[in-house]
Every structure is written in structure tokens, then in C-alpha cells.
Amino acid sequence: MNCPFCRHASDSTAPLCPRCGALLPTPKHDGDGDGGWQSVPLQDAFTPEPPLRPPRRFPVAAMLLLACLTATLFGVVAILRNLDTLPREFPDQQRFHDVVWKLLVPFFNLFWAYLAWLELADRLERELARLGHPRRLPRRLLTATFLLLPVPFLDLAALLLIPILAAWFQSAVNQLADLTQKSPPQPART
């Protein structure tokens, strides 16, 4: 049985998809004695949403320079804006406007920024793999950067790493923009 959301093959007796956690249709005995099975339809299923706008190229060197000049603010905002350029496949995936409000909450903003960057990495990798160009983004460097931010004096090292992360992510977005311009947009998976 394949998951109706992510198309991942899963055990026919599993109630949830092991990859995305979506509720799977459950087989049910029809009671006529022949051992036939029928599928119970999903209720309140999430329909994947297409991106709000296509990904746009931005020079990586300019991203690095502007992120350094603005004490990483430009890099964080510009990179997280790319959440709107990727399709939402699951209901709990964030849009840019959801993330901005969470970034304004003191002390929680580091946690939400970290989660938003991780989600962006997941969605970029998934979209690039779907287009036939798998790429790994630096999750360990991302985690180390956000672990250093609350530590006095070590936060300066993190402030140097964020522009590097922003440039790295921007290069992946540029690759995605090039690939989506070459290939026609595909309809949302249902």
C-alpha cells in the first residue's frame, strides 16, 4: 500500500505512514466470507498546496555580503521567504508569514528560526530530489550555529556562520529556480 500523500510504500496493516505520519486508508473485511478487502476513505485529508510564487535567483555573493552588512537579518529574512516558493505537502508546514510572527517572540525566536531553517532544508531537498537533482544541505552546521547563538561570546561565531548558511541555502534555491524554469510546473500531488 502506498501513502496517498507522499507515495511512500508502507505496510498494509500500519495505521500511519512511516515517512510523513499521514493517516493511511485501513483495510476492512467486507463480511461476505471471501476474504475481500475494501478501503475506508480518508476524512479531512490535506490537499497539497502549490507554491505561492516561483523560486527566484539571487546572487550568492550578494546574499553573503548583505547578510554580513545587516548582522544576518537580511540573510535570515531572504532565505525564509523561500518557504513560499515550495509546495506545502503536509498541513503543519509553515509559510513565511507564519514564521515571521514566531520570530518576534523573545527567546522562542531562536527555536522557531531553527525549526524554520530545518523545514526549509527538508522542503528544498525534497523538491530538488523530485526534479532529479538530489542535494544535501548542511544540517549539522545549521544545528551547531543555533546551539552557539545563546552562548555568550560564542554567539559571535554563530553570527559569522549565518551568512555562510544563507549563501549555501541561496545556492540551492538558485539551483531550484534554474530547474523549475527548464521543466514545466507539475500539478500538485493528490
N, C-alpha and C. Protein backbone atom coordinates (compact mmCIF):
# COMPACT_ATOMS: atom_id res chain seq x y z
N MET A 1 0.85 -1.17 0.00
CA MET A 1 0.00 0.00 0.00
C MET A 1 0.90 1.24 0.00
N ASN A 2 0.54 2.23 -0.80
CA ASN A 2 1.29 3.48 -0.85
C ASN A 2 0.52 4.58 -0.13
N CYS A 3 1.26 5.46 0.52
CA CYS A 3 0.65 6.60 1.21
C CYS A 3 0.02 7.51 0.17
N PRO A 4 -1.22 8.00 0.37
CA PRO A 4 -1.85 8.87 -0.61
C PRO A 4 -1.23 10.27 -0.65
N PHE A 5 -0.38 10.62 0.33
CA PHE A 5 0.21 11.95 0.37
C PHE A 5 1.63 11.96 -0.18
N CYS A 6 2.49 11.10 0.35
CA CYS A 6 3.90 11.13 -0.05
C CYS A 6 4.27 9.99 -0.97
N ARG A 7 3.35 9.07 -1.25
CA ARG A 7 3.55 7.92 -2.14
C ARG A 7 4.60 6.93 -1.63
N HIS A 8 4.88 6.96 -0.33
CA HIS A 8 5.86 6.05 0.26
C HIS A 8 5.19 4.69 0.48
N ALA A 9 5.88 3.62 0.13
CA ALA A 9 5.34 2.28 0.34
C ALA A 9 5.36 1.97 1.83
N SER A 10 4.25 1.43 2.33
CA SER A 10 4.18 1.10 3.75
C SER A 10 3.45 -0.22 3.93
N ASP A 11 3.54 -0.76 5.13
CA ASP A 11 2.89 -2.00 5.48
C ASP A 11 1.37 -1.81 5.41
N SER A 12 0.67 -2.80 4.91
CA SER A 12 -0.78 -2.67 4.74
C SER A 12 -1.52 -2.63 6.07
N THR A 13 -0.87 -3.05 7.16
CA THR A 13 -1.55 -3.03 8.46
C THR A 13 -1.21 -1.79 9.28
N ALA A 14 -0.30 -0.95 8.77
CA ALA A 14 0.11 0.24 9.52
C ALA A 14 -0.98 1.31 9.46
N PRO A 15 -1.32 1.92 10.61
CA PRO A 15 -2.35 2.96 10.59
C PRO A 15 -1.83 4.30 10.08
N LEU A 16 -0.50 4.53 10.23
CA LEU A 16 0.10 5.80 9.82
C LEU A 16 1.26 5.54 8.87
N CYS A 17 1.51 6.49 7.99
CA CYS A 17 2.64 6.39 7.08
C CYS A 17 3.93 6.57 7.88
N PRO A 18 4.93 5.69 7.72
CA PRO A 18 6.16 5.85 8.49
C PRO A 18 7.00 7.04 8.05
N ARG A 19 6.75 7.58 6.85
CA ARG A 19 7.54 8.70 6.35
C ARG A 19 6.95 10.04 6.75
N CYS A 20 5.65 10.24 6.45
CA CYS A 20 5.05 11.56 6.69
C CYS A 20 4.07 11.59 7.86
N GLY A 21 3.67 10.43 8.37
CA GLY A 21 2.76 10.39 9.50
C GLY A 21 1.30 10.56 9.14
N ALA A 22 0.98 10.54 7.85
CA ALA A 22 -0.42 10.70 7.42
C ALA A 22 -1.22 9.44 7.77
N LEU A 23 -2.51 9.63 7.99
CA LEU A 23 -3.40 8.52 8.26
C LEU A 23 -3.60 7.73 6.97
N LEU A 24 -3.35 6.42 7.03
CA LEU A 24 -3.48 5.57 5.84
C LEU A 24 -4.88 4.98 5.79
N PRO A 25 -5.38 4.73 4.58
CA PRO A 25 -6.67 4.04 4.50
C PRO A 25 -6.52 2.64 5.09
N THR A 26 -7.47 2.25 5.91
CA THR A 26 -7.36 0.96 6.59
C THR A 26 -8.18 -0.08 5.85
N PRO A 27 -7.60 -1.27 5.65
CA PRO A 27 -8.37 -2.33 5.02
C PRO A 27 -9.46 -2.82 5.97
N LYS A 28 -10.59 -3.17 5.42
CA LYS A 28 -11.71 -3.62 6.25
C LYS A 28 -12.34 -4.84 5.58
N HIS A 29 -12.60 -5.87 6.36
CA HIS A 29 -13.22 -7.08 5.82
C HIS A 29 -14.67 -6.76 5.48
N ASP A 30 -15.09 -7.16 4.27
CA ASP A 30 -16.44 -6.82 3.85
C ASP A 30 -17.50 -7.79 4.37
N GLY A 31 -17.08 -8.88 5.03
CA GLY A 31 -18.03 -9.77 5.71
C GLY A 31 -18.73 -10.77 4.82
N ASP A 32 -18.38 -10.91 3.56
CA ASP A 32 -19.08 -11.86 2.71
C ASP A 32 -18.41 -13.23 2.68
N GLY A 33 -17.37 -13.41 3.49
CA GLY A 33 -16.75 -14.71 3.61
C GLY A 33 -15.68 -15.02 2.58
N ASP A 34 -15.50 -14.17 1.58
CA ASP A 34 -14.48 -14.46 0.57
C ASP A 34 -13.13 -13.83 0.89
N GLY A 35 -13.04 -13.17 2.03
CA GLY A 35 -11.77 -12.56 2.41
C GLY A 35 -11.46 -11.28 1.65
N GLY A 36 -12.44 -10.70 1.01
CA GLY A 36 -12.23 -9.47 0.25
C GLY A 36 -11.99 -8.28 1.17
N TRP A 37 -11.28 -7.32 0.68
CA TRP A 37 -10.96 -6.13 1.46
C TRP A 37 -11.46 -4.92 0.72
N GLN A 38 -11.85 -3.94 1.47
CA GLN A 38 -12.19 -2.66 0.86
C GLN A 38 -11.52 -1.56 1.66
N SER A 39 -11.29 -0.44 1.02
CA SER A 39 -10.57 0.65 1.66
C SER A 39 -11.55 1.64 2.27
N VAL A 40 -11.26 2.06 3.49
CA VAL A 40 -12.05 3.09 4.14
C VAL A 40 -11.46 4.43 3.72
N PRO A 41 -12.27 5.37 3.17
CA PRO A 41 -11.71 6.63 2.68
C PRO A 41 -11.19 7.51 3.82
N LEU A 42 -10.18 8.29 3.50
CA LEU A 42 -9.66 9.25 4.47
C LEU A 42 -10.63 10.40 4.64
N GLN A 43 -10.76 10.88 5.84
CA GLN A 43 -11.60 12.03 6.09
C GLN A 43 -10.73 13.20 6.48
N ASP A 44 -11.12 14.38 6.09
CA ASP A 44 -10.38 15.60 6.37
C ASP A 44 -8.94 15.51 5.88
N ALA A 45 -8.75 14.94 4.71
CA ALA A 45 -7.40 14.80 4.17
C ALA A 45 -6.89 16.17 3.72
N PHE A 46 -5.60 16.39 3.87
CA PHE A 46 -4.96 17.62 3.46
C PHE A 46 -4.60 17.53 1.98
N THR A 47 -5.02 18.49 1.21
CA THR A 47 -4.67 18.55 -0.20
C THR A 47 -3.39 19.36 -0.33
N PRO A 48 -2.35 18.79 -0.92
CA PRO A 48 -1.11 19.55 -1.07
C PRO A 48 -1.35 20.86 -1.81
N GLU A 49 -0.71 21.93 -1.33
CA GLU A 49 -0.88 23.24 -1.93
C GLU A 49 0.31 23.57 -2.82
N PRO A 50 0.06 24.17 -3.98
CA PRO A 50 1.17 24.58 -4.82
C PRO A 50 1.90 25.77 -4.19
N PRO A 51 3.11 26.07 -4.66
CA PRO A 51 3.83 27.23 -4.11
C PRO A 51 3.08 28.53 -4.40
N LEU A 52 3.26 29.53 -3.52
CA LEU A 52 2.62 30.82 -3.73
C LEU A 52 3.28 31.60 -4.86
N ARG A 53 4.57 31.39 -5.06
CA ARG A 53 5.30 32.07 -6.13
C ARG A 53 6.47 31.19 -6.53
N PRO A 54 6.99 31.36 -7.74
CA PRO A 54 8.13 30.54 -8.14
C PRO A 54 9.41 30.99 -7.45
N PRO A 55 10.39 30.09 -7.31
CA PRO A 55 11.67 30.50 -6.71
C PRO A 55 12.39 31.48 -7.62
N ARG A 56 13.08 32.43 -7.01
CA ARG A 56 13.80 33.45 -7.78
C ARG A 56 15.28 33.35 -7.50
N ARG A 57 16.06 33.58 -8.55
CA ARG A 57 17.51 33.59 -8.40
C ARG A 57 17.93 34.86 -7.68
N PHE A 58 18.99 34.74 -6.89
CA PHE A 58 19.60 35.88 -6.23
C PHE A 58 21.09 35.57 -6.15
N PRO A 59 21.95 36.51 -6.48
CA PRO A 59 23.39 36.21 -6.45
C PRO A 59 23.86 35.78 -5.06
N VAL A 60 24.59 34.69 -5.01
CA VAL A 60 25.06 34.14 -3.74
C VAL A 60 26.03 35.11 -3.06
N ALA A 61 26.90 35.76 -3.86
CA ALA A 61 27.85 36.72 -3.28
C ALA A 61 27.11 37.92 -2.68
N ALA A 62 26.05 38.36 -3.33
CA ALA A 62 25.26 39.47 -2.78
C ALA A 62 24.55 39.04 -1.50
N MET A 63 24.08 37.79 -1.45
CA MET A 63 23.45 37.28 -0.23
C MET A 63 24.46 37.29 0.92
N LEU A 64 25.65 36.82 0.65
CA LEU A 64 26.70 36.78 1.67
C LEU A 64 27.05 38.18 2.15
N LEU A 65 27.22 39.12 1.23
CA LEU A 65 27.57 40.50 1.57
C LEU A 65 26.45 41.18 2.36
N LEU A 66 25.23 41.09 1.88
CA LEU A 66 24.11 41.75 2.57
C LEU A 66 23.83 41.12 3.94
N ALA A 67 24.00 39.81 4.05
CA ALA A 67 23.81 39.17 5.35
C ALA A 67 24.86 39.64 6.35
N CYS A 68 26.10 39.83 5.89
CA CYS A 68 27.16 40.34 6.77
C CYS A 68 26.91 41.79 7.16
N LEU A 69 26.49 42.61 6.20
CA LEU A 69 26.29 44.04 6.47
C LEU A 69 25.11 44.32 7.39
N THR A 70 24.11 43.45 7.37
CA THR A 70 22.91 43.67 8.19
C THR A 70 22.90 42.81 9.45
N ALA A 71 24.05 42.30 9.85
CA ALA A 71 24.16 41.45 11.04
C ALA A 71 23.21 40.26 10.93
N THR A 72 23.20 39.62 9.81
CA THR A 72 22.47 38.39 9.47
C THR A 72 20.97 38.59 9.25
N LEU A 73 20.43 39.76 9.52
CA LEU A 73 18.98 39.95 9.39
C LEU A 73 18.51 39.73 7.96
N PHE A 74 19.23 40.30 6.99
CA PHE A 74 18.83 40.13 5.59
C PHE A 74 18.87 38.66 5.19
N GLY A 75 19.93 37.96 5.59
CA GLY A 75 20.07 36.56 5.22
C GLY A 75 18.93 35.70 5.76
N VAL A 76 18.58 35.92 7.01
CA VAL A 76 17.50 35.13 7.62
C VAL A 76 16.17 35.40 6.93
N VAL A 77 15.83 36.67 6.74
CA VAL A 77 14.54 37.01 6.12
C VAL A 77 14.50 36.57 4.67
N ALA A 78 15.57 36.83 3.92
CA ALA A 78 15.58 36.47 2.50
C ALA A 78 15.50 34.96 2.30
N ILE A 79 16.18 34.20 3.14
CA ILE A 79 16.15 32.74 2.99
C ILE A 79 14.79 32.19 3.41
N LEU A 80 14.25 32.66 4.52
CA LEU A 80 12.97 32.13 4.98
C LEU A 80 11.81 32.54 4.08
N ARG A 81 11.99 33.60 3.28
CA ARG A 81 10.96 33.95 2.29
C ARG A 81 10.78 32.83 1.28
N ASN A 82 11.79 32.00 1.14
CA ASN A 82 11.70 30.90 0.18
C ASN A 82 10.76 29.79 0.63
N LEU A 83 10.26 29.85 1.85
CA LEU A 83 9.24 28.88 2.27
C LEU A 83 8.01 28.98 1.38
N ASP A 84 7.73 30.18 0.85
CA ASP A 84 6.57 30.37 -0.01
C ASP A 84 6.81 29.90 -1.44
N THR A 85 8.06 29.57 -1.80
CA THR A 85 8.34 29.13 -3.16
C THR A 85 8.27 27.62 -3.29
N LEU A 86 8.03 26.92 -2.19
CA LEU A 86 7.99 25.46 -2.21
C LEU A 86 6.58 24.98 -1.90
N PRO A 87 6.16 23.89 -2.52
CA PRO A 87 4.80 23.40 -2.25
C PRO A 87 4.67 22.88 -0.83
N ARG A 88 3.50 23.10 -0.24
CA ARG A 88 3.21 22.54 1.08
C ARG A 88 2.61 21.17 0.87
N GLU A 89 3.27 20.15 1.39
CA GLU A 89 2.79 18.78 1.22
C GLU A 89 2.05 18.28 2.45
N PHE A 90 2.30 18.91 3.59
CA PHE A 90 1.69 18.48 4.84
C PHE A 90 1.07 19.69 5.52
N PRO A 91 0.02 19.51 6.30
CA PRO A 91 -0.67 20.67 6.88
C PRO A 91 0.15 21.45 7.90
N ASP A 92 1.15 20.82 8.51
CA ASP A 92 1.92 21.54 9.53
C ASP A 92 3.12 22.29 8.96
N GLN A 93 3.28 22.32 7.66
CA GLN A 93 4.40 23.06 7.07
C GLN A 93 4.09 24.55 7.07
N GLN A 94 5.10 25.34 7.38
CA GLN A 94 4.94 26.77 7.59
C GLN A 94 5.01 27.57 6.29
N ARG A 95 4.37 28.70 6.31
CA ARG A 95 4.53 29.73 5.29
C ARG A 95 5.35 30.84 5.92
N PHE A 96 5.86 31.74 5.10
CA PHE A 96 6.72 32.80 5.60
C PHE A 96 6.02 33.67 6.65
N HIS A 97 4.77 34.04 6.39
CA HIS A 97 4.08 34.92 7.35
C HIS A 97 3.86 34.23 8.69
N ASP A 98 3.75 32.90 8.71
CA ASP A 98 3.63 32.18 9.99
C ASP A 98 4.93 32.27 10.78
N VAL A 99 6.05 32.16 10.06
CA VAL A 99 7.36 32.15 10.71
C VAL A 99 7.71 33.53 11.25
N VAL A 100 7.38 34.60 10.51
CA VAL A 100 7.75 35.95 10.92
C VAL A 100 7.19 36.29 12.29
N TRP A 101 5.94 35.96 12.54
CA TRP A 101 5.35 36.26 13.84
C TRP A 101 6.03 35.49 14.96
N LYS A 102 6.43 34.27 14.68
CA LYS A 102 7.11 33.47 15.70
C LYS A 102 8.51 34.00 15.97
N LEU A 103 9.13 34.61 14.98
CA LEU A 103 10.47 35.16 15.17
C LEU A 103 10.46 36.42 16.03
N LEU A 104 9.31 37.02 16.22
CA LEU A 104 9.22 38.24 17.04
C LEU A 104 9.04 37.94 18.53
N VAL A 105 8.83 36.69 18.89
CA VAL A 105 8.64 36.32 20.29
C VAL A 105 10.02 36.16 20.94
N PRO A 106 10.32 36.95 21.98
CA PRO A 106 11.64 36.84 22.61
C PRO A 106 11.92 35.43 23.14
N PHE A 107 13.15 35.01 23.03
CA PHE A 107 13.67 33.72 23.48
C PHE A 107 13.17 32.55 22.65
N PHE A 108 11.91 32.56 22.24
CA PHE A 108 11.40 31.50 21.38
C PHE A 108 11.87 31.67 19.95
N ASN A 109 12.31 32.88 19.60
CA ASN A 109 12.67 33.13 18.21
C ASN A 109 13.83 32.25 17.74
N LEU A 110 14.78 31.92 18.61
CA LEU A 110 15.87 31.03 18.21
C LEU A 110 15.34 29.64 17.88
N PHE A 111 14.43 29.17 18.70
CA PHE A 111 13.83 27.86 18.48
C PHE A 111 13.06 27.83 17.17
N TRP A 112 12.21 28.85 16.93
CA TRP A 112 11.40 28.88 15.71
C TRP A 112 12.26 29.12 14.48
N ALA A 113 13.31 29.93 14.60
CA ALA A 113 14.21 30.15 13.47
C ALA A 113 14.89 28.83 13.10
N TYR A 114 15.34 28.10 14.10
CA TYR A 114 15.99 26.81 13.84
C TYR A 114 15.02 25.86 13.15
N LEU A 115 13.80 25.74 13.66
CA LEU A 115 12.82 24.85 13.04
C LEU A 115 12.48 25.30 11.62
N ALA A 116 12.38 26.60 11.40
CA ALA A 116 12.06 27.10 10.05
C ALA A 116 13.19 26.78 9.07
N TRP A 117 14.44 26.95 9.50
CA TRP A 117 15.57 26.62 8.63
C TRP A 117 15.60 25.12 8.34
N LEU A 118 15.33 24.29 9.34
CA LEU A 118 15.30 22.84 9.12
C LEU A 118 14.19 22.45 8.15
N GLU A 119 13.02 23.07 8.32
CA GLU A 119 11.92 22.77 7.41
C GLU A 119 12.25 23.21 5.99
N LEU A 120 12.89 24.37 5.87
CA LEU A 120 13.30 24.83 4.54
C LEU A 120 14.30 23.85 3.92
N ALA A 121 15.23 23.34 4.72
CA ALA A 121 16.19 22.36 4.22
C ALA A 121 15.47 21.10 3.73
N ASP A 122 14.51 20.60 4.53
CA ASP A 122 13.75 19.41 4.13
C ASP A 122 13.00 19.64 2.83
N ARG A 123 12.30 20.75 2.74
CA ARG A 123 11.49 21.00 1.56
C ARG A 123 12.34 21.26 0.32
N LEU A 124 13.46 21.96 0.48
CA LEU A 124 14.36 22.17 -0.66
C LEU A 124 14.94 20.84 -1.15
N GLU A 125 15.41 20.02 -0.21
CA GLU A 125 15.96 18.72 -0.60
C GLU A 125 14.92 17.85 -1.28
N ARG A 126 13.70 17.84 -0.76
CA ARG A 126 12.63 17.02 -1.34
C ARG A 126 12.28 17.51 -2.75
N GLU A 127 12.20 18.82 -2.93
CA GLU A 127 11.84 19.37 -4.24
C GLU A 127 12.96 19.15 -5.25
N LEU A 128 14.21 19.32 -4.85
CA LEU A 128 15.33 19.07 -5.76
C LEU A 128 15.41 17.59 -6.12
N ALA A 129 15.15 16.71 -5.16
CA ALA A 129 15.15 15.27 -5.45
C ALA A 129 14.01 14.92 -6.41
N ARG A 130 12.86 15.56 -6.23
CA ARG A 130 11.72 15.31 -7.12
C ARG A 130 12.06 15.69 -8.56
N LEU A 131 12.87 16.73 -8.72
CA LEU A 131 13.27 17.18 -10.06
C LEU A 131 14.50 16.43 -10.58
N GLY A 132 14.99 15.44 -9.81
CA GLY A 132 16.08 14.61 -10.28
C GLY A 132 17.47 15.13 -9.96
N HIS A 133 17.58 16.08 -9.03
CA HIS A 133 18.88 16.64 -8.64
C HIS A 133 19.00 16.63 -7.11
N PRO A 134 19.21 15.44 -6.51
CA PRO A 134 19.30 15.39 -5.04
C PRO A 134 20.49 16.20 -4.54
N ARG A 135 20.29 16.84 -3.41
CA ARG A 135 21.33 17.68 -2.82
C ARG A 135 21.15 17.67 -1.31
N ARG A 136 22.24 17.63 -0.57
CA ARG A 136 22.19 17.67 0.89
C ARG A 136 22.56 19.07 1.36
N LEU A 137 21.79 19.58 2.28
CA LEU A 137 22.08 20.88 2.86
C LEU A 137 22.72 20.67 4.25
N PRO A 138 23.49 21.63 4.73
CA PRO A 138 24.33 21.43 5.93
C PRO A 138 23.55 21.47 7.24
N ARG A 139 22.90 20.38 7.60
CA ARG A 139 22.11 20.35 8.83
C ARG A 139 22.98 20.41 10.09
N ARG A 140 24.13 19.77 10.06
CA ARG A 140 24.99 19.79 11.25
C ARG A 140 25.53 21.19 11.51
N LEU A 141 25.92 21.87 10.44
CA LEU A 141 26.38 23.25 10.59
C LEU A 141 25.24 24.14 11.07
N LEU A 142 24.05 23.91 10.56
CA LEU A 142 22.87 24.66 11.00
C LEU A 142 22.60 24.43 12.48
N THR A 143 22.65 23.18 12.92
CA THR A 143 22.42 22.87 14.33
C THR A 143 23.50 23.49 15.21
N ALA A 144 24.76 23.38 14.79
CA ALA A 144 25.85 23.96 15.58
C ALA A 144 25.70 25.48 15.68
N THR A 145 25.29 26.11 14.60
CA THR A 145 25.12 27.56 14.60
C THR A 145 24.06 27.98 15.61
N PHE A 146 22.93 27.30 15.61
CA PHE A 146 21.86 27.69 16.52
C PHE A 146 22.13 27.27 17.97
N LEU A 147 23.01 26.30 18.17
CA LEU A 147 23.42 25.97 19.54
C LEU A 147 24.40 27.01 20.08
N LEU A 148 25.17 27.63 19.21
CA LEU A 148 26.13 28.65 19.63
C LEU A 148 25.48 30.01 19.91
N LEU A 149 24.34 30.28 19.30
CA LEU A 149 23.73 31.62 19.42
C LEU A 149 23.43 32.05 20.86
N PRO A 150 22.89 31.22 21.74
CA PRO A 150 22.59 31.71 23.09
C PRO A 150 23.81 31.77 24.02
N VAL A 151 24.95 31.25 23.60
CA VAL A 151 26.14 31.20 24.47
C VAL A 151 26.93 32.51 24.33
N PRO A 152 27.16 33.22 25.43
CA PRO A 152 27.92 34.47 25.35
C PRO A 152 29.30 34.24 24.72
N PHE A 153 29.72 35.18 23.93
CA PHE A 153 30.99 35.20 23.20
C PHE A 153 31.03 34.20 22.05
N LEU A 154 30.41 33.04 22.19
CA LEU A 154 30.36 32.10 21.08
C LEU A 154 29.31 32.51 20.05
N ASP A 155 28.40 33.38 20.49
CA ASP A 155 27.39 33.86 19.55
C ASP A 155 28.01 34.65 18.40
N LEU A 156 29.19 35.21 18.62
CA LEU A 156 29.87 35.92 17.54
C LEU A 156 30.27 34.96 16.42
N ALA A 157 30.68 33.76 16.79
CA ALA A 157 30.99 32.76 15.77
C ALA A 157 29.73 32.37 15.00
N ALA A 158 28.61 32.26 15.71
CA ALA A 158 27.34 31.93 15.05
C ALA A 158 26.93 33.04 14.10
N LEU A 159 27.18 34.29 14.51
CA LEU A 159 26.82 35.41 13.61
C LEU A 159 27.68 35.41 12.35
N LEU A 160 28.83 34.79 12.41
CA LEU A 160 29.64 34.65 11.19
C LEU A 160 29.18 33.46 10.35
N LEU A 161 28.60 32.46 11.00
CA LEU A 161 28.15 31.27 10.27
C LEU A 161 26.81 31.48 9.57
N ILE A 162 25.94 32.33 10.10
CA ILE A 162 24.62 32.52 9.50
C ILE A 162 24.72 33.06 8.06
N PRO A 163 25.59 34.05 7.76
CA PRO A 163 25.70 34.45 6.34
C PRO A 163 26.19 33.31 5.44
N ILE A 164 27.07 32.45 5.97
CA ILE A 164 27.54 31.32 5.17
C ILE A 164 26.38 30.35 4.90
N LEU A 165 25.58 30.09 5.93
CA LEU A 165 24.39 29.24 5.74
C LEU A 165 23.42 29.87 4.75
N ALA A 166 23.21 31.18 4.86
CA ALA A 166 22.30 31.86 3.95
C ALA A 166 22.78 31.73 2.51
N ALA A 167 24.09 31.88 2.29
CA ALA A 167 24.63 31.75 0.94
C ALA A 167 24.48 30.31 0.44
N TRP A 168 24.70 29.34 1.32
CA TRP A 168 24.57 27.93 0.96
C TRP A 168 23.13 27.60 0.55
N PHE A 169 22.19 28.06 1.36
CA PHE A 169 20.78 27.82 1.04
C PHE A 169 20.38 28.56 -0.24
N GLN A 170 20.91 29.77 -0.42
CA GLN A 170 20.57 30.53 -1.62
C GLN A 170 21.08 29.82 -2.88
N SER A 171 22.22 29.16 -2.78
CA SER A 171 22.70 28.43 -3.96
C SER A 171 21.75 27.27 -4.29
N ALA A 172 21.17 26.63 -3.27
CA ALA A 172 20.18 25.58 -3.52
C ALA A 172 18.91 26.16 -4.12
N VAL A 173 18.49 27.34 -3.65
CA VAL A 173 17.30 27.99 -4.22
C VAL A 173 17.56 28.38 -5.67
N ASN A 174 18.77 28.87 -5.96
CA ASN A 174 19.12 29.21 -7.34
C ASN A 174 19.07 27.98 -8.23
N GLN A 175 19.57 26.85 -7.73
CA GLN A 175 19.51 25.61 -8.50
C GLN A 175 18.06 25.22 -8.75
N LEU A 176 17.21 25.35 -7.74
CA LEU A 176 15.79 25.03 -7.89
C LEU A 176 15.13 25.98 -8.90
N ALA A 177 15.48 27.26 -8.84
CA ALA A 177 14.92 28.22 -9.80
C ALA A 177 15.32 27.87 -11.22
N ASP A 178 16.57 27.48 -11.42
CA ASP A 178 17.01 27.07 -12.76
C ASP A 178 16.27 25.83 -13.24
N LEU A 179 16.07 24.87 -12.35
CA LEU A 179 15.39 23.63 -12.73
C LEU A 179 13.91 23.86 -13.01
N THR A 180 13.26 24.72 -12.24
CA THR A 180 11.83 24.95 -12.48
C THR A 180 11.59 25.78 -13.72
N GLN A 181 12.56 26.59 -14.13
CA GLN A 181 12.41 27.33 -15.39
C GLN A 181 12.58 26.40 -16.58
N LYS A 182 13.40 25.35 -16.43
CA LYS A 182 13.63 24.40 -17.52
C LYS A 182 12.49 23.43 -17.67
N SER A 183 11.91 22.99 -16.56
CA SER A 183 10.84 22.00 -16.63
C SER A 183 9.50 22.69 -16.34
N PRO A 184 8.45 22.27 -17.01
CA PRO A 184 7.14 22.86 -16.75
C PRO A 184 6.65 22.49 -15.37
N PRO A 185 5.86 23.35 -14.72
CA PRO A 185 5.36 23.02 -13.39
C PRO A 185 4.47 21.80 -13.43
N GLN A 186 4.61 20.95 -12.41
CA GLN A 186 3.81 19.74 -12.33
C GLN A 186 2.63 19.98 -11.40
N PRO A 187 1.51 19.35 -11.68
CA PRO A 187 0.35 19.56 -10.79
C PRO A 187 0.63 19.01 -9.40
N ALA A 188 -0.09 19.56 -8.44
CA ALA A 188 0.07 19.12 -7.04
C ALA A 188 -0.36 17.66 -6.93
N ARG A 189 0.38 16.92 -6.09
CA ARG A 189 0.06 15.51 -5.88
C ARG A 189 -1.16 15.39 -4.98
N THR A 190 -2.06 14.50 -5.37
CA THR A 190 -3.25 14.29 -4.52
C THR A 190 -3.30 12.91 -4.00
